[in-house]
């Protein structure tokens, strides 16, 4: 589940297992991909927040985390489940 907070951040609540899958995907992207410096640091900051089963991300961190280049390190069926789970609630 993902929802926008009054502060402008996005609260993400997923299972701890799913969060660990996301952490691993971001770690792999940071290790294997050549990213511009701003994106590298943005993903690093998002990675630090992916602990437990929930976190609050800035919008830039949220969209960097769930873009195709980050998700490609996750198998397709799991990607689909994660993308469905993090659809922003209105």
C-alpha atoms as a PDB file:
ATOM      1  CA  UNK A   1       0.000   0.000   0.000  1.00  0.00           C
ATOM      2  CA  UNK A   2       1.188   3.507  -0.768  1.00  0.00           C
ATOM      3  CA  UNK A   3      -0.458   6.770   0.121  1.00  0.00           C
ATOM      4  CA  UNK A   4       0.471  10.414  -0.052  1.00  0.00           C
ATOM      5  CA  UNK A   5       0.849  12.134   3.314  1.00  0.00           C
ATOM      6  CA  UNK A   6       0.030  15.750   4.122  1.00  0.00           C
ATOM      7  CA  UNK A   7       3.781  16.420   4.312  1.00  0.00           C
ATOM      8  CA  UNK A   8       4.067  15.498   0.631  1.00  0.00           C
ATOM      9  CA  UNK A   9       5.956  12.275   1.343  1.00  0.00           C
ATOM     10  CA  UNK A  10       4.652   8.884   0.316  1.00  0.00           C
ATOM     11  CA  UNK A  11       4.089   6.226   2.963  1.00  0.00           C
ATOM     12  CA  UNK A  12       4.800   2.711   1.712  1.00  0.00           C
ATOM     13  CA  UNK A  13       3.702  -0.356   3.667  1.00  0.00           C
ATOM     14  CA  UNK A  14       4.725  -3.781   2.383  1.00  0.00           C
ATOM     15  CA  UNK A  15       5.707  -7.059   4.000  1.00  0.00           C
ATOM     16  CA  UNK A  16       9.243  -7.296   5.361  1.00  0.00           C
ATOM     17  CA  UNK A  17       9.987  -9.937   2.721  1.00  0.00           C
ATOM     18  CA  UNK A  18       8.913  -7.588  -0.068  1.00  0.00           C
ATOM     19  CA  UNK A  19      10.965  -4.762   1.423  1.00  0.00           C
ATOM     20  CA  UNK A  20      14.014  -7.029   1.454  1.00  0.00           C
ATOM     21  CA  UNK A  21      13.406  -7.847  -2.235  1.00  0.00           C
ATOM     22  CA  UNK A  22      13.311  -4.116  -2.989  1.00  0.00           C
ATOM     23  CA  UNK A  23      16.494  -3.519  -0.955  1.00  0.00           C
ATOM     24  CA  UNK A  24      18.308  -6.226  -2.894  1.00  0.00           C
ATOM     25  CA  UNK A  25      17.121  -4.815  -6.241  1.00  0.00           C
ATOM     26  CA  UNK A  26      18.331  -1.318  -5.326  1.00  0.00           C
ATOM     27  CA  UNK A  27      21.666  -2.670  -4.096  1.00  0.00           C
ATOM     28  CA  UNK A  28      22.135  -4.540  -7.370  1.00  0.00           C
ATOM     29  CA  UNK A  29      21.232  -1.477  -9.410  1.00  0.00           C
ATOM     30  CA  UNK A  30      23.673   0.683  -7.464  1.00  0.00           C
ATOM     31  CA  UNK A  31      26.388  -1.929  -7.949  1.00  0.00           C
ATOM     32  CA  UNK A  32      25.851  -2.863 -11.602  1.00  0.00           C
ATOM     33  CA  UNK A  33      24.325   0.214 -13.274  1.00  0.00           C
ATOM     34  CA  UNK A  34      26.061   3.413 -14.230  1.00  0.00           C
ATOM     35  CA  UNK A  35      23.686   6.091 -12.948  1.00  0.00           C
ATOM     36  CA  UNK A  36      24.097   9.846 -12.816  1.00  0.00           C
ATOM     37  CA  UNK A  37      25.345  10.997  -9.415  1.00  0.00           C
ATOM     38  CA  UNK A  38      22.008  12.513  -8.388  1.00  0.00           C
ATOM     39  CA  UNK A  39      20.180   9.226  -9.049  1.00  0.00           C
ATOM     40  CA  UNK A  40      22.852   7.175  -7.313  1.00  0.00           C
ATOM     41  CA  UNK A  41      22.528   9.258  -4.143  1.00  0.00           C
ATOM     42  CA  UNK A  42      18.744   9.377  -4.386  1.00  0.00           C
ATOM     43  CA  UNK A  43      18.549   5.584  -4.552  1.00  0.00           C
ATOM     44  CA  UNK A  44      21.059   5.328  -1.709  1.00  0.00           C
ATOM     45  CA  UNK A  45      18.837   7.512   0.467  1.00  0.00           C
ATOM     46  CA  UNK A  46      15.778   5.444  -0.445  1.00  0.00           C
ATOM     47  CA  UNK A  47      17.705   2.262   0.366  1.00  0.00           C
ATOM     48  CA  UNK A  48      18.435   3.565   3.867  1.00  0.00           C
ATOM     49  CA  UNK A  49      14.691   4.003   4.448  1.00  0.00           C
ATOM     50  CA  UNK A  50      13.643   0.514   3.279  1.00  0.00           C
ATOM     51  CA  UNK A  51      13.709  -1.109   6.707  1.00  0.00           C
ATOM     52  CA  UNK A  52      10.973  -3.021   8.483  1.00  0.00           C
ATOM     53  CA  UNK A  53       7.604  -3.182   6.775  1.00  0.00           C
ATOM     54  CA  UNK A  54       6.958   0.522   6.179  1.00  0.00           C
ATOM     55  CA  UNK A  55       8.775   3.699   5.273  1.00  0.00           C
ATOM     56  CA  UNK A  56       8.184   7.298   4.248  1.00  0.00           C
ATOM     57  CA  UNK A  57       9.790   8.333   0.979  1.00  0.00           C
ATOM     58  CA  UNK A  58      10.059  11.655  -0.778  1.00  0.00           C
ATOM     59  CA  UNK A  59       8.270  11.595  -4.120  1.00  0.00           C
ATOM     60  CA  UNK A  60      11.594  11.623  -5.962  1.00  0.00           C
ATOM     61  CA  UNK A  61      12.803   8.592  -3.984  1.00  0.00           C
ATOM     62  CA  UNK A  62       9.512   6.764  -4.574  1.00  0.00           C
ATOM     63  CA  UNK A  63       9.569   7.219  -8.345  1.00  0.00           C
ATOM     64  CA  UNK A  64      13.305   6.439  -8.607  1.00  0.00           C
ATOM     65  CA  UNK A  65      12.759   3.267  -6.615  1.00  0.00           C
ATOM     66  CA  UNK A  66       9.846   1.980  -8.682  1.00  0.00           C
ATOM     67  CA  UNK A  67      11.061   2.922 -12.162  1.00  0.00           C
ATOM     68  CA  UNK A  68      11.719   0.149 -14.674  1.00  0.00           C
ATOM     69  CA  UNK A  69      15.517   0.317 -14.324  1.00  0.00           C
ATOM     70  CA  UNK A  70      15.264  -0.565 -10.623  1.00  0.00           C
ATOM     71  CA  UNK A  71      12.512  -3.134 -10.977  1.00  0.00           C
ATOM     72  CA  UNK A  72      14.360  -5.156 -13.646  1.00  0.00           C
ATOM     73  CA  UNK A  73      16.345  -6.848 -10.872  1.00  0.00           C
ATOM     74  CA  UNK A  74      13.108  -8.424  -9.612  1.00  0.00           C
ATOM     75  CA  UNK A  75      11.366 -11.321 -11.386  1.00  0.00           C
ATOM     76  CA  UNK A  76       8.306 -10.310 -13.409  1.00  0.00           C
ATOM     77  CA  UNK A  77       5.539 -11.904 -11.283  1.00  0.00           C
ATOM     78  CA  UNK A  78       6.958 -10.261  -8.142  1.00  0.00           C
ATOM     79  CA  UNK A  79       7.289  -6.940  -9.993  1.00  0.00           C
ATOM     80  CA  UNK A  80       3.611  -7.063 -10.889  1.00  0.00           C
ATOM     81  CA  UNK A  81       2.601  -7.771  -7.302  1.00  0.00           C
ATOM     82  CA  UNK A  82       4.791  -4.954  -5.983  1.00  0.00           C
ATOM     83  CA  UNK A  83       3.554  -2.464  -8.563  1.00  0.00           C
ATOM     84  CA  UNK A  84      -0.040  -3.342  -7.729  1.00  0.00           C
ATOM     85  CA  UNK A  85       0.664  -2.992  -3.998  1.00  0.00           C
ATOM     86  CA  UNK A  86       2.253   0.462  -4.335  1.00  0.00           C
ATOM     87  CA  UNK A  87      -0.411   2.097  -6.488  1.00  0.00           C
ATOM     88  CA  UNK A  88      -0.960   5.469  -4.884  1.00  0.00           C
ATOM     89  CA  UNK A  89      -4.290   5.762  -3.117  1.00  0.00           C
ATOM     90  CA  UNK A  90      -6.314   8.859  -3.882  1.00  0.00           C
END
